[in-house]
């Protein structure tokens, strides 16, 4: 890792609307933190150039633009066998470098510093998460959104992250939109991003649909009347999915011992199901008669179900009763018990 000289002798100027992000690199052994200035690839070699994390060096700070490119570089850099130190990378706002470096510095004097570890965990780079980002913060068209009344940086962090990952959100935002020559309209809109044919980031505002989307004219030739009926039925179902509506069980391992085991389960509500099971073993000898029965009940939270039950058996002429409780963790969908 190469360290460069200070590049600007004058103090950096604070800019309120500077949304740029940069990279810091930390030596986990010494606790030293420097600001990345360049990520250099030479053939199979990857080099990290740094400067001191001072305000006067801000013009030389690395400009974070592509999460995917940075993730690929860091993976390659850390895989180099001649790197004796596993440097730690942090993605931080340019204007917060000084404050973040100060917080990280507390880990040098106190390795258990809560403030230091909180700062580290907040900004440390996770390459797997970077690879999922579709739209980076620096690309967000803040000015255009602000004109419509939407402050991107004031949105909840969860919403910001979903939008940057290209995931759909159910959030509706108040905005004032120009309607060509018919003035403006104010209402609630859903926000999403996309790239145009020039790979430039654009945004789309959609209103809550009064008319189902499948009724729109452009889909008329693609959706048949039967398809519409199916979509209407699906729309009528509560959006939160229960573990399953109805299930039939068969125990294949029990069948190998000559025992017939069947069961059924039905959903009463989204959170409660009722089920019953029956076991029958036709084996009869002078010394032993096997009788097996079982019952179980269950509740689920929509995607995970915890089920418990009891079984018993008898072996005449001296009845012996044994019982046990079985707890199983199952996910929604068809169930096969073994």
Foldseek 3Di string as FASTA:
>chain_A
DAEDEQDAPDFADDDPPQQWKFKWKAFPVQLDIWAWQDWDDDPLDIDTYTYHLGRRSLVRGDTDFALLVVLVSLVSHQPDPPPPTNIWMFIGGSVCSVVLSVQSVVCNVPVPDPSNVVSCVVTTDDSVLSNQFDGDPVQDPQVVVVQFPDHLVPDDPVVNSCQRSQHFDPAWDWTWAQDVPPGIDTDTWGKHWDADPVRHIDMDTHDPDPDDPCPDPVNVVPADPVNVVVVVVVVPDDPQAALEAKEKEWAPVCVVVQKGKIKMKGAPDSWFIAMAMAIDHPDDDPFFDWHKGKGKTWTDDRFKIKIKIWMWIFTPPVGDIDIDIDIDIDTGDYDYHD
